[in-house]
């Protein structure tokens, strides 16, 4: 059985992780909106931007599931 002190420490840790994930979600939302896919001068730049946007969206969805 967990002691009340241990439960409180774990609760504090989980609340810190929740706050971190929420902050990362805000940052990711900004990054996704700022991506200008298709507006570059070179196809390689567009491909990199699309890849970065997809990666960020994937991480964001994972964080949202972790918070659910």
N, C-alpha and C. Protein backbone atom coordinates (compact mmCIF):
# COMPACT_ATOMS: atom_id res chain seq x y z
N UNK A 1 0.84 -1.18 0.00
CA UNK A 1 0.00 0.00 0.00
C UNK A 1 0.89 1.24 0.00
N UNK A 2 0.46 2.24 -0.68
CA UNK A 2 1.23 3.48 -0.75
C UNK A 2 0.92 4.36 0.45
N UNK A 3 1.97 4.98 0.94
CA UNK A 3 1.77 5.89 2.07
C UNK A 3 1.15 7.19 1.55
N UNK A 4 0.49 7.95 2.42
CA UNK A 4 -0.10 9.22 2.00
C UNK A 4 0.96 10.19 1.44
N UNK A 5 2.16 10.15 2.01
CA UNK A 5 3.23 11.03 1.53
C UNK A 5 3.62 10.65 0.10
N UNK A 6 3.73 9.36 -0.15
CA UNK A 6 4.10 8.89 -1.48
C UNK A 6 3.01 9.25 -2.49
N UNK A 7 1.78 9.11 -2.10
CA UNK A 7 0.66 9.46 -2.98
C UNK A 7 0.72 10.94 -3.34
N UNK A 8 1.00 11.77 -2.36
CA UNK A 8 1.08 13.22 -2.61
C UNK A 8 2.24 13.56 -3.55
N UNK A 9 3.39 12.89 -3.37
CA UNK A 9 4.53 13.12 -4.26
C UNK A 9 4.19 12.71 -5.69
N UNK A 10 3.55 11.55 -5.83
CA UNK A 10 3.17 11.09 -7.16
C UNK A 10 2.13 12.02 -7.79
N UNK A 11 1.20 12.48 -6.98
CA UNK A 11 0.19 13.42 -7.47
C UNK A 11 0.85 14.70 -7.95
N UNK A 12 1.81 15.22 -7.18
CA UNK A 12 2.54 16.41 -7.57
C UNK A 12 3.29 16.21 -8.88
N UNK A 13 3.92 15.04 -9.00
CA UNK A 13 4.65 14.73 -10.23
C UNK A 13 3.71 14.70 -11.43
N UNK A 14 2.56 14.05 -11.26
CA UNK A 14 1.59 13.97 -12.35
C UNK A 14 1.04 15.34 -12.73
N UNK A 15 0.82 16.19 -11.75
CA UNK A 15 0.34 17.54 -12.04
C UNK A 15 1.40 18.34 -12.80
N UNK A 16 2.67 18.15 -12.45
CA UNK A 16 3.76 18.81 -13.17
C UNK A 16 3.81 18.32 -14.62
N UNK A 17 3.66 17.02 -14.81
CA UNK A 17 3.67 16.46 -16.16
C UNK A 17 2.48 16.98 -16.97
N UNK A 18 1.35 17.10 -16.33
CA UNK A 18 0.16 17.63 -17.00
C UNK A 18 0.41 19.07 -17.46
N UNK A 19 0.97 19.88 -16.60
CA UNK A 19 1.26 21.27 -16.96
C UNK A 19 2.26 21.34 -18.11
N UNK A 20 3.27 20.49 -18.07
CA UNK A 20 4.26 20.46 -19.14
C UNK A 20 3.62 20.08 -20.47
N UNK A 21 2.79 19.05 -20.45
CA UNK A 21 2.12 18.62 -21.67
C UNK A 21 1.19 19.71 -22.21
N UNK A 22 0.49 20.39 -21.34
CA UNK A 22 -0.40 21.47 -21.78
C UNK A 22 0.39 22.59 -22.42
N UNK A 23 1.54 22.93 -21.84
CA UNK A 23 2.38 23.98 -22.41
C UNK A 23 2.92 23.56 -23.78
N UNK A 24 3.31 22.31 -23.89
CA UNK A 24 3.81 21.81 -25.16
C UNK A 24 2.71 21.82 -26.22
N UNK A 25 1.47 21.54 -25.81
CA UNK A 25 0.36 21.59 -26.76
C UNK A 25 0.16 23.00 -27.32
N UNK A 26 0.29 23.99 -26.47
CA UNK A 26 0.16 25.38 -26.92
C UNK A 26 1.26 25.70 -27.92
N UNK A 27 2.48 25.31 -27.61
CA UNK A 27 3.61 25.56 -28.51
C UNK A 27 3.42 24.85 -29.84
N UNK A 28 2.94 23.61 -29.78
CA UNK A 28 2.73 22.84 -31.00
C UNK A 28 1.62 23.44 -31.85
N UNK A 29 0.58 23.92 -31.22
CA UNK A 29 -0.52 24.54 -31.96
C UNK A 29 0.00 25.76 -32.73
N UNK A 30 0.85 26.53 -32.09
CA UNK A 30 1.45 27.69 -32.75
C UNK A 30 2.33 27.26 -33.91
N UNK A 31 3.12 26.22 -33.72
CA UNK A 31 4.02 25.74 -34.77
C UNK A 31 3.23 25.22 -35.97
N UNK A 32 2.14 24.53 -35.71
CA UNK A 32 1.32 23.99 -36.81
C UNK A 32 0.69 25.13 -37.61
N UNK A 33 0.22 26.15 -36.93
CA UNK A 33 -0.42 27.27 -37.62
C UNK A 33 0.59 28.10 -38.40
N UNK A 34 1.82 28.17 -37.93
CA UNK A 34 2.84 28.98 -38.59
C UNK A 34 3.44 28.30 -39.81
N UNK A 35 3.24 27.00 -39.94
CA UNK A 35 3.83 26.28 -41.07
C UNK A 35 3.21 26.78 -42.37
N UNK A 36 4.06 27.20 -43.28
CA UNK A 36 3.61 27.71 -44.58
C UNK A 36 3.90 26.68 -45.66
N UNK A 37 3.27 25.55 -45.55
CA UNK A 37 3.49 24.47 -46.51
C UNK A 37 3.00 24.91 -47.88
N UNK A 38 3.86 24.74 -48.87
CA UNK A 38 3.50 25.09 -50.24
C UNK A 38 3.85 26.50 -50.63
N UNK A 39 4.42 27.27 -49.73
CA UNK A 39 4.75 28.66 -50.03
C UNK A 39 6.24 28.89 -50.23
N UNK A 40 7.03 27.83 -50.22
CA UNK A 40 8.47 27.96 -50.39
C UNK A 40 8.87 28.08 -51.85
N UNK A 41 10.14 28.38 -52.06
CA UNK A 41 10.65 28.52 -53.42
C UNK A 41 11.11 27.18 -53.99
N UNK A 42 11.33 26.22 -53.12
CA UNK A 42 11.85 24.93 -53.56
C UNK A 42 10.97 23.81 -53.01
N UNK A 43 10.81 22.76 -53.80
CA UNK A 43 9.99 21.63 -53.38
C UNK A 43 10.55 20.98 -52.12
N UNK A 44 11.88 20.98 -51.99
CA UNK A 44 12.49 20.37 -50.81
C UNK A 44 12.09 21.11 -49.53
N UNK A 45 12.03 22.43 -49.62
CA UNK A 45 11.62 23.22 -48.45
C UNK A 45 10.17 22.91 -48.09
N UNK A 46 9.33 22.79 -49.11
CA UNK A 46 7.93 22.46 -48.86
C UNK A 46 7.79 21.08 -48.23
N UNK A 47 8.59 20.13 -48.72
CA UNK A 47 8.53 18.77 -48.18
C UNK A 47 8.98 18.75 -46.72
N UNK A 48 10.03 19.50 -46.42
CA UNK A 48 10.51 19.57 -45.03
C UNK A 48 9.46 20.21 -44.14
N UNK A 49 8.83 21.28 -44.62
CA UNK A 49 7.79 21.95 -43.83
C UNK A 49 6.60 21.01 -43.60
N UNK A 50 6.21 20.26 -44.62
CA UNK A 50 5.10 19.33 -44.47
C UNK A 50 5.44 18.22 -43.48
N UNK A 51 6.68 17.72 -43.57
CA UNK A 51 7.12 16.69 -42.64
C UNK A 51 7.13 17.22 -41.21
N UNK A 52 7.67 18.41 -41.01
CA UNK A 52 7.72 19.00 -39.67
C UNK A 52 6.32 19.22 -39.12
N UNK A 53 5.41 19.67 -39.98
CA UNK A 53 4.04 19.91 -39.54
C UNK A 53 3.38 18.59 -39.14
N UNK A 54 3.58 17.55 -39.93
CA UNK A 54 2.99 16.24 -39.62
C UNK A 54 3.56 15.67 -38.33
N UNK A 55 4.87 15.83 -38.14
CA UNK A 55 5.50 15.34 -36.92
C UNK A 55 4.95 16.07 -35.69
N UNK A 56 4.85 17.38 -35.79
CA UNK A 56 4.34 18.16 -34.68
C UNK A 56 2.89 17.78 -34.36
N UNK A 57 2.10 17.58 -35.39
CA UNK A 57 0.70 17.19 -35.19
C UNK A 57 0.61 15.82 -34.52
N UNK A 58 1.49 14.90 -34.92
CA UNK A 58 1.49 13.57 -34.31
C UNK A 58 1.82 13.65 -32.83
N UNK A 59 2.84 14.44 -32.49
CA UNK A 59 3.19 14.61 -31.07
C UNK A 59 2.05 15.27 -30.31
N UNK A 60 1.41 16.25 -30.94
CA UNK A 60 0.31 16.95 -30.28
C UNK A 60 -0.83 15.99 -29.97
N UNK A 61 -1.18 15.15 -30.94
CA UNK A 61 -2.26 14.19 -30.71
C UNK A 61 -1.89 13.21 -29.60
N UNK A 62 -0.63 12.80 -29.54
CA UNK A 62 -0.18 11.91 -28.47
C UNK A 62 -0.30 12.58 -27.12
N UNK A 63 0.08 13.86 -27.05
CA UNK A 63 -0.02 14.59 -25.79
C UNK A 63 -1.48 14.74 -25.37
N UNK A 64 -2.34 15.02 -26.35
CA UNK A 64 -3.76 15.19 -26.03
C UNK A 64 -4.33 13.87 -25.48
N UNK A 65 -3.93 12.75 -26.06
CA UNK A 65 -4.40 11.45 -25.57
C UNK A 65 -3.87 11.19 -24.16
N UNK A 66 -2.64 11.61 -23.88
CA UNK A 66 -2.06 11.40 -22.56
C UNK A 66 -2.80 12.22 -21.50
N UNK A 67 -3.33 13.37 -21.90
CA UNK A 67 -4.05 14.21 -20.96
C UNK A 67 -5.50 13.78 -20.78
N UNK A 68 -6.00 12.97 -21.70
CA UNK A 68 -7.41 12.56 -21.61
C UNK A 68 -7.65 11.58 -20.49
